[in-house]
Amino acid sequence: MNGYLTRAEITKLDAILRTIPWLAHQLDDTVRRQDRIGGAPIPSLGGTDSPEQPLPYNHAAADVRDQLRNTLVGWTRHILEQRSMAYDGDDTLPGISRWLRRNIEALALTEGSAEALPDIDRAACAAHGPSSTARKNASAPSTNSASPKPIA
């Protein structure tokens, strides 16, 4: 491997990055628990059910969202530093993914970019959830013994 992205890898990476704005919206809803309607009463320590609802925050989804963001930011910084570029996108997951798509050729021609596709794909698959990760793992031979943790 020469450390750069091939044309086929660029196409795959572009397809993944294209899904990030939608995925970011889904993750935000899941983090705020707006993906659920209602809920069962919470068992209290005293043995009776409480009508109180838990805080509207999903830690597992937040961790997955943060990992996806960190992965995209890391590759964005790599391009900026290696190619002496300035960042002109916004500071959101959709904004970062749009910037990476606009600058995908710069990424492809940046030394070490061959790792971008598996890194971003791994983070996106984890964000899509266990069914996406399981389907992906079933169709491709494993090269890494550590698999990403899906949203709980």
C-alpha atoms as a PDB file:
ATOM      1  CA  MET A   1       0.000   0.000   0.000  1.00  0.00           C
ATOM      2  CA  ASN A   2       1.383   3.407  -0.929  1.00  0.00           C
ATOM      3  CA  GLY A   3      -0.243   5.422   1.872  1.00  0.00           C
ATOM      4  CA  TYR A   4      -2.671   7.246  -0.410  1.00  0.00           C
ATOM      5  CA  LEU A   5      -6.310   6.650  -1.351  1.00  0.00           C
ATOM      6  CA  THR A   6      -7.158   4.985  -4.642  1.00  0.00           C
ATOM      7  CA  ARG A   7     -10.001   6.194  -6.877  1.00  0.00           C
ATOM      8  CA  ALA A   8     -12.223   3.324  -5.640  1.00  0.00           C
ATOM      9  CA  GLU A   9     -11.453   4.198  -2.006  1.00  0.00           C
ATOM     10  CA  ILE A  10     -12.257   7.863  -2.678  1.00  0.00           C
ATOM     11  CA  THR A  11     -15.656   6.802  -4.036  1.00  0.00           C
ATOM     12  CA  LYS A  12     -16.363   4.658  -0.952  1.00  0.00           C
ATOM     13  CA  LEU A  13     -15.223   7.413   1.416  1.00  0.00           C
ATOM     14  CA  ASP A  14     -17.387   9.977  -0.371  1.00  0.00           C
ATOM     15  CA  ALA A  15     -20.409   7.685   0.015  1.00  0.00           C
ATOM     16  CA  ILE A  16     -19.736   7.351   3.756  1.00  0.00           C
ATOM     17  CA  LEU A  17     -19.211  11.094   4.228  1.00  0.00           C
ATOM     18  CA  ARG A  18     -22.456  11.771   2.335  1.00  0.00           C
ATOM     19  CA  THR A  19     -24.392   9.920   5.072  1.00  0.00           C
ATOM     20  CA  ILE A  20     -22.843  11.821   7.990  1.00  0.00           C
ATOM     21  CA  PRO A  21     -25.290  14.786   8.089  1.00  0.00           C
ATOM     22  CA  TRP A  22     -28.261  12.394   8.339  1.00  0.00           C
ATOM     23  CA  LEU A  23     -26.387  10.217  10.814  1.00  0.00           C
ATOM     24  CA  ALA A  24     -25.466  13.231  12.959  1.00  0.00           C
ATOM     25  CA  HIS A  25     -29.150  14.190  13.160  1.00  0.00           C
ATOM     26  CA  GLN A  26     -30.084  10.636  14.190  1.00  0.00           C
ATOM     27  CA  LEU A  27     -27.341  10.568  16.820  1.00  0.00           C
ATOM     28  CA  ASP A  28     -28.427  13.924  18.232  1.00  0.00           C
ATOM     29  CA  ASP A  29     -31.991  12.619  18.564  1.00  0.00           C
ATOM     30  CA  THR A  30     -30.721   9.461  20.245  1.00  0.00           C
ATOM     31  CA  VAL A  31     -28.433  11.375  22.607  1.00  0.00           C
ATOM     32  CA  ARG A  32     -31.390  13.528  23.682  1.00  0.00           C
ATOM     33  CA  ARG A  33     -33.556  10.378  23.814  1.00  0.00           C
ATOM     34  CA  GLN A  34     -35.980  11.846  21.301  1.00  0.00           C
ATOM     35  CA  ASP A  35     -35.840   8.517  19.508  1.00  0.00           C
ATOM     36  CA  ARG A  36     -38.132   7.061  22.189  1.00  0.00           C
ATOM     37  CA  ILE A  37     -41.727   7.888  22.993  1.00  0.00           C
ATOM     38  CA  GLY A  38     -42.742   7.748  26.622  1.00  0.00           C
ATOM     39  CA  GLY A  39     -41.202   5.309  28.995  1.00  0.00           C
ATOM     40  CA  ALA A  40     -41.884   2.951  31.842  1.00  0.00           C
ATOM     41  CA  PRO A  41     -41.771   4.190  35.421  1.00  0.00           C
ATOM     42  CA  ILE A  42     -38.354   4.000  37.023  1.00  0.00           C
ATOM     43  CA  PRO A  43     -38.004   1.549  39.920  1.00  0.00           C
ATOM     44  CA  SER A  44     -37.044   3.486  43.036  1.00  0.00           C
ATOM     45  CA  LEU A  45     -34.837   2.388  45.887  1.00  0.00           C
ATOM     46  CA  GLY A  46     -37.855   2.264  48.216  1.00  0.00           C
ATOM     47  CA  GLY A  47     -39.484  -0.454  46.121  1.00  0.00           C
ATOM     48  CA  THR A  48     -42.285   1.611  44.614  1.00  0.00           C
ATOM     49  CA  ASP A  49     -42.290   2.914  41.078  1.00  0.00           C
ATOM     50  CA  SER A  50     -41.598   6.596  40.602  1.00  0.00           C
ATOM     51  CA  PRO A  51     -43.414   8.642  37.948  1.00  0.00           C
ATOM     52  CA  GLU A  52     -40.168  10.558  37.307  1.00  0.00           C
ATOM     53  CA  GLN A  53     -38.459  10.107  33.973  1.00  0.00           C
ATOM     54  CA  PRO A  54     -34.687   9.736  33.566  1.00  0.00           C
ATOM     55  CA  LEU A  55     -32.620  12.623  32.286  1.00  0.00           C
ATOM     56  CA  PRO A  56     -33.006  12.898  28.520  1.00  0.00           C
ATOM     57  CA  TYR A  57     -29.438  11.854  27.750  1.00  0.00           C
ATOM     58  CA  ASN A  58     -28.042   8.674  26.222  1.00  0.00           C
ATOM     59  CA  HIS A  59     -24.387   8.258  27.230  1.00  0.00           C
ATOM     60  CA  ALA A  60     -23.668   5.433  24.774  1.00  0.00           C
ATOM     61  CA  ALA A  61     -24.960   7.456  21.813  1.00  0.00           C
ATOM     62  CA  ALA A  62     -22.997  10.494  22.989  1.00  0.00           C
ATOM     63  CA  ASP A  63     -19.813   8.404  23.140  1.00  0.00           C
ATOM     64  CA  VAL A  64     -20.373   7.092  19.605  1.00  0.00           C
ATOM     65  CA  ARG A  65     -21.149  10.598  18.309  1.00  0.00           C
ATOM     66  CA  ASP A  66     -18.005  11.945  19.993  1.00  0.00           C
ATOM     67  CA  GLN A  67     -15.886   9.167  18.476  1.00  0.00           C
ATOM     68  CA  LEU A  68     -17.264   9.923  15.009  1.00  0.00           C
ATOM     69  CA  ARG A  69     -16.591  13.624  15.497  1.00  0.00           C
ATOM     70  CA  ASN A  70     -13.067  12.980  16.804  1.00  0.00           C
ATOM     71  CA  THR A  71     -12.312  10.773  13.807  1.00  0.00           C
ATOM     72  CA  LEU A  72     -13.508  13.390  11.298  1.00  0.00           C
ATOM     73  CA  VAL A  73     -11.723  16.218  13.132  1.00  0.00           C
ATOM     74  CA  GLY A  74      -8.522  14.174  13.245  1.00  0.00           C
ATOM     75  CA  TRP A  75      -8.516  13.620   9.484  1.00  0.00           C
ATOM     76  CA  THR A  76      -9.456  17.252   8.858  1.00  0.00           C
ATOM     77  CA  ARG A  77      -6.539  18.418  11.011  1.00  0.00           C
ATOM     78  CA  HIS A  78      -4.247  15.969   9.225  1.00  0.00           C
ATOM     79  CA  ILE A  79      -5.131  17.533   5.862  1.00  0.00           C
ATOM     80  CA  LEU A  80      -4.836  21.083   7.205  1.00  0.00           C
ATOM     81  CA  GLU A  81      -1.407  20.470   8.719  1.00  0.00           C
ATOM     82  CA  GLN A  82       0.058  18.395   5.876  1.00  0.00           C
ATOM     83  CA  ARG A  83      -1.219  20.631   3.090  1.00  0.00           C
ATOM     84  CA  SER A  84      -1.012  24.024   4.875  1.00  0.00           C
ATOM     85  CA  MET A  85      -4.678  24.692   4.302  1.00  0.00           C
ATOM     86  CA  ALA A  86      -7.165  26.787   6.281  1.00  0.00           C
ATOM     87  CA  TYR A  87     -10.455  25.395   7.561  1.00  0.00           C
ATOM     88  CA  ASP A  88     -13.490  27.265   6.229  1.00  0.00           C
ATOM     89  CA  GLY A  89     -16.303  24.936   7.336  1.00  0.00           C
ATOM     90  CA  ASP A  90     -18.559  25.026  10.348  1.00  0.00           C
ATOM     91  CA  ASP A  91     -17.909  23.206  13.626  1.00  0.00           C
ATOM     92  CA  THR A  92     -20.634  20.560  13.382  1.00  0.00           C
ATOM     93  CA  LEU A  93     -20.512  16.941  12.279  1.00  0.00           C
ATOM     94  CA  PRO A  94     -22.416  17.769   9.067  1.00  0.00           C
ATOM     95  CA  GLY A  95     -20.138  20.756   8.455  1.00  0.00           C
ATOM     96  CA  ILE A  96     -16.963  18.759   8.954  1.00  0.00           C
ATOM     97  CA  SER A  97     -18.183  15.955   6.693  1.00  0.00           C
ATOM     98  CA  ARG A  98     -19.150  18.479   3.986  1.00  0.00           C
ATOM     99  CA  TRP A  99     -15.677  20.061   4.222  1.00  0.00           C
ATOM    100  CA  LEU A 100     -14.029  16.641   3.917  1.00  0.00           C
ATOM    101  CA  ARG A 101     -16.170  15.872   0.851  1.00  0.00           C
ATOM    102  CA  ARG A 102     -15.213  19.193  -0.769  1.00  0.00           C
ATOM    103  CA  ASN A 103     -11.557  18.463  -0.027  1.00  0.00           C
ATOM    104  CA  ILE A 104     -11.557  14.719  -0.655  1.00  0.00           C
ATOM    105  CA  GLU A 105      -8.899  15.014  -3.386  1.00  0.00           C
ATOM    106  CA  ALA A 106      -6.617  16.849  -0.942  1.00  0.00           C
ATOM    107  CA  LEU A 107      -7.178  14.043   1.546  1.00  0.00           C
ATOM    108  CA  ALA A 108      -6.492  11.391  -1.102  1.00  0.00           C
ATOM    109  CA  LEU A 109      -3.175  13.032  -1.971  1.00  0.00           C
ATOM    110  CA  THR A 110      -2.074  13.498   1.644  1.00  0.00           C
ATOM    111  CA  GLU A 111       0.514  11.045   2.925  1.00  0.00           C
ATOM    112  CA  GLY A 112      -0.999   8.449   5.232  1.00  0.00           C
ATOM    113  CA  SER A 113      -4.510   8.949   3.879  1.00  0.00           C
ATOM    114  CA  ALA A 114      -4.913   5.231   3.157  1.00  0.00           C
ATOM    115  CA  GLU A 115      -5.982   4.875   6.795  1.00  0.00           C
ATOM    116  CA  ALA A 116      -8.766   7.457   6.417  1.00  0.00           C
ATOM    117  CA  LEU A 117     -11.252   5.083   4.799  1.00  0.00           C
ATOM    118  CA  PRO A 118     -11.051   2.324   7.437  1.00  0.00           C
ATOM    119  CA  ASP A 119     -10.977   4.858  10.305  1.00  0.00           C
ATOM    120  CA  ILE A 120     -13.986   6.847   9.116  1.00  0.00           C
ATOM    121  CA  ASP A 121     -15.839   3.706   8.044  1.00  0.00           C
ATOM    122  CA  ARG A 122     -15.314   2.120  11.480  1.00  0.00           C
ATOM    123  CA  ALA A 123     -16.611   5.234  13.259  1.00  0.00           C
ATOM    124  CA  ALA A 124     -19.617   5.539  10.917  1.00  0.00           C
ATOM    125  CA  CYS A 125     -20.484   1.838  11.278  1.00  0.00           C
ATOM    126  CA  ALA A 126     -20.390   2.148  15.058  1.00  0.00           C
ATOM    127  CA  ALA A 127     -22.735   5.124  14.817  1.00  0.00           C
ATOM    128  CA  HIS A 128     -25.139   3.230  12.554  1.00  0.00           C
ATOM    129  CA  GLY A 129     -25.546   0.631  15.291  1.00  0.00           C
ATOM    130  CA  PRO A 130     -25.065  -3.066  15.844  1.00  0.00           C
ATOM    131  CA  SER A 131     -26.894  -4.270  12.726  1.00  0.00           C
ATOM    132  CA  SER A 132     -24.632  -2.211  10.459  1.00  0.00           C
ATOM    133  CA  THR A 133     -21.494  -3.345  12.267  1.00  0.00           C
ATOM    134  CA  ALA A 134     -22.568  -7.002  12.256  1.00  0.00           C
ATOM    135  CA  ARG A 135     -23.510  -6.876   8.561  1.00  0.00           C
ATOM    136  CA  LYS A 136     -20.183  -5.231   7.694  1.00  0.00           C
ATOM    137  CA  ASN A 137     -18.190  -7.724   9.787  1.00  0.00           C
ATOM    138  CA  ALA A 138     -20.008 -10.660   8.199  1.00  0.00           C
ATOM    139  CA  SER A 139     -19.198  -9.499   4.676  1.00  0.00           C
ATOM    140  CA  ALA A 140     -15.527  -8.637   5.171  1.00  0.00           C
ATOM    141  CA  PRO A 141     -12.667 -10.611   6.658  1.00  0.00           C
ATOM    142  CA  SER A 142     -11.538  -9.238   9.992  1.00  0.00           C
ATOM    143  CA  THR A 143      -8.179  -7.486  10.025  1.00  0.00           C
ATOM    144  CA  ASN A 144      -8.568  -6.080  13.505  1.00  0.00           C
ATOM    145  CA  SER A 145      -9.528  -8.050  16.595  1.00  0.00           C
ATOM    146  CA  ALA A 146     -11.036  -4.997  18.306  1.00  0.00           C
ATOM    147  CA  SER A 147     -14.440  -4.073  16.937  1.00  0.00           C
ATOM    148  CA  PRO A 148     -16.192  -0.753  17.608  1.00  0.00           C
ATOM    149  CA  LYS A 149     -18.825  -0.656  20.313  1.00  0.00           C
ATOM    150  CA  PRO A 150     -22.322  -0.164  18.866  1.00  0.00           C
ATOM    151  CA  ILE A 151     -24.908   2.126  20.409  1.00  0.00           C
ATOM    152  CA  ALA A 152     -26.454   0.366  23.392  1.00  0.00           C
END
